[in-house]
């Protein structure tokens, strides 16, 4: 494997900063939801509302709030 090939093995190569503790908790919750078979946004939002974490502002999740946070984190 060449050094150029090795950079494609880093799952965080596009990361601009380390995730916050909240982002880590949210990522873990999303992974658990996917692992249990959740595949649709309404079901994911329902799972997050049932198990947490809540939205950053403490409000229940909506499809719009989830999409907005994912868009912000993607920047």
C-alpha atoms as a PDB file:
ATOM      1  CA  UNK A   1       0.000   0.000   0.000  1.00  0.00           C
ATOM      2  CA  UNK A   2       1.340   3.411  -0.912  1.00  0.00           C
ATOM      3  CA  UNK A   3       1.103   6.470   1.393  1.00  0.00           C
ATOM      4  CA  UNK A   4      -1.529   7.867  -0.974  1.00  0.00           C
ATOM      5  CA  UNK A   5      -3.669   4.755  -0.518  1.00  0.00           C
ATOM      6  CA  UNK A   6      -3.329   4.920   3.268  1.00  0.00           C
ATOM      7  CA  UNK A   7      -5.110   8.274   3.486  1.00  0.00           C
ATOM      8  CA  UNK A   8      -8.284   6.621   2.201  1.00  0.00           C
ATOM      9  CA  UNK A   9      -8.293   4.315   5.209  1.00  0.00           C
ATOM     10  CA  UNK A  10      -8.749   7.185   7.681  1.00  0.00           C
ATOM     11  CA  UNK A  11     -12.483   7.428   8.440  1.00  0.00           C
ATOM     12  CA  UNK A  12     -11.994  10.952   9.802  1.00  0.00           C
ATOM     13  CA  UNK A  13      -9.912  12.405   6.977  1.00  0.00           C
ATOM     14  CA  UNK A  14     -12.417  15.178   6.307  1.00  0.00           C
ATOM     15  CA  UNK A  15     -12.875  16.077   9.975  1.00  0.00           C
ATOM     16  CA  UNK A  16     -12.142  19.715  10.732  1.00  0.00           C
ATOM     17  CA  UNK A  17     -12.220  19.234  14.520  1.00  0.00           C
ATOM     18  CA  UNK A  18     -12.850  16.586  17.107  1.00  0.00           C
ATOM     19  CA  UNK A  19     -16.522  15.948  17.905  1.00  0.00           C
ATOM     20  CA  UNK A  20     -18.025  17.467  21.021  1.00  0.00           C
ATOM     21  CA  UNK A  21     -19.302  15.180  23.789  1.00  0.00           C
ATOM     22  CA  UNK A  22     -22.858  15.927  22.606  1.00  0.00           C
ATOM     23  CA  UNK A  23     -21.961  14.944  19.035  1.00  0.00           C
ATOM     24  CA  UNK A  24     -20.414  11.705  20.328  1.00  0.00           C
ATOM     25  CA  UNK A  25     -23.599  10.882  22.280  1.00  0.00           C
ATOM     26  CA  UNK A  26     -25.771  11.675  19.282  1.00  0.00           C
ATOM     27  CA  UNK A  27     -23.595   9.593  16.965  1.00  0.00           C
ATOM     28  CA  UNK A  28     -23.770   6.644  19.349  1.00  0.00           C
ATOM     29  CA  UNK A  29     -27.569   6.958  19.550  1.00  0.00           C
ATOM     30  CA  UNK A  30     -27.856   7.096  15.761  1.00  0.00           C
ATOM     31  CA  UNK A  31     -25.616   4.029  15.391  1.00  0.00           C
ATOM     32  CA  UNK A  32     -27.731   2.102  17.921  1.00  0.00           C
ATOM     33  CA  UNK A  33     -30.901   3.073  16.052  1.00  0.00           C
ATOM     34  CA  UNK A  34     -29.454   1.946  12.720  1.00  0.00           C
ATOM     35  CA  UNK A  35     -28.181  -1.239  14.356  1.00  0.00           C
ATOM     36  CA  UNK A  36     -31.672  -2.065  15.556  1.00  0.00           C
ATOM     37  CA  UNK A  37     -33.090  -1.724  12.051  1.00  0.00           C
ATOM     38  CA  UNK A  38     -34.226   1.903  11.963  1.00  0.00           C
ATOM     39  CA  UNK A  39     -33.832   3.164   8.389  1.00  0.00           C
ATOM     40  CA  UNK A  40     -36.337   5.993   7.953  1.00  0.00           C
ATOM     41  CA  UNK A  41     -36.090   9.541   9.277  1.00  0.00           C
ATOM     42  CA  UNK A  42     -39.446   9.573  11.111  1.00  0.00           C
ATOM     43  CA  UNK A  43     -38.451   6.375  12.924  1.00  0.00           C
ATOM     44  CA  UNK A  44     -35.021   7.781  13.782  1.00  0.00           C
ATOM     45  CA  UNK A  45     -36.548  10.964  15.165  1.00  0.00           C
ATOM     46  CA  UNK A  46     -38.995   8.903  17.239  1.00  0.00           C
ATOM     47  CA  UNK A  47     -36.136   6.768  18.568  1.00  0.00           C
ATOM     48  CA  UNK A  48     -34.081   9.811  19.532  1.00  0.00           C
ATOM     49  CA  UNK A  49     -37.090  11.290  21.306  1.00  0.00           C
ATOM     50  CA  UNK A  50     -37.585   8.026  23.187  1.00  0.00           C
ATOM     51  CA  UNK A  51     -33.966   7.347  24.127  1.00  0.00           C
ATOM     52  CA  UNK A  52     -32.092  10.649  23.784  1.00  0.00           C
ATOM     53  CA  UNK A  53     -30.141  12.683  23.580  1.00  0.00           C
ATOM     54  CA  UNK A  54     -32.558  15.573  23.121  1.00  0.00           C
ATOM     55  CA  UNK A  55     -31.927  18.395  20.654  1.00  0.00           C
ATOM     56  CA  UNK A  56     -29.113  20.733  21.612  1.00  0.00           C
ATOM     57  CA  UNK A  57     -31.700  23.202  22.923  1.00  0.00           C
ATOM     58  CA  UNK A  58     -33.413  20.494  24.999  1.00  0.00           C
ATOM     59  CA  UNK A  59     -36.520  20.391  22.801  1.00  0.00           C
ATOM     60  CA  UNK A  60     -37.880  17.183  21.294  1.00  0.00           C
ATOM     61  CA  UNK A  61     -36.495  16.220  17.914  1.00  0.00           C
ATOM     62  CA  UNK A  62     -38.397  16.937  14.733  1.00  0.00           C
ATOM     63  CA  UNK A  63     -37.444  15.880  11.248  1.00  0.00           C
ATOM     64  CA  UNK A  64     -36.597  19.518  10.512  1.00  0.00           C
ATOM     65  CA  UNK A  65     -34.425  19.972  13.606  1.00  0.00           C
ATOM     66  CA  UNK A  66     -32.536  16.753  12.888  1.00  0.00           C
ATOM     67  CA  UNK A  67     -31.955  17.723   9.242  1.00  0.00           C
ATOM     68  CA  UNK A  68     -30.821  21.210  10.273  1.00  0.00           C
ATOM     69  CA  UNK A  69     -28.303  19.845  12.776  1.00  0.00           C
ATOM     70  CA  UNK A  70     -26.940  17.318  10.273  1.00  0.00           C
ATOM     71  CA  UNK A  71     -26.537  20.079   7.686  1.00  0.00           C
ATOM     72  CA  UNK A  72     -24.726  22.286  10.209  1.00  0.00           C
ATOM     73  CA  UNK A  73     -22.424  19.471  11.291  1.00  0.00           C
ATOM     74  CA  UNK A  74     -21.633  18.654   7.654  1.00  0.00           C
ATOM     75  CA  UNK A  75     -20.126  22.108   7.098  1.00  0.00           C
END
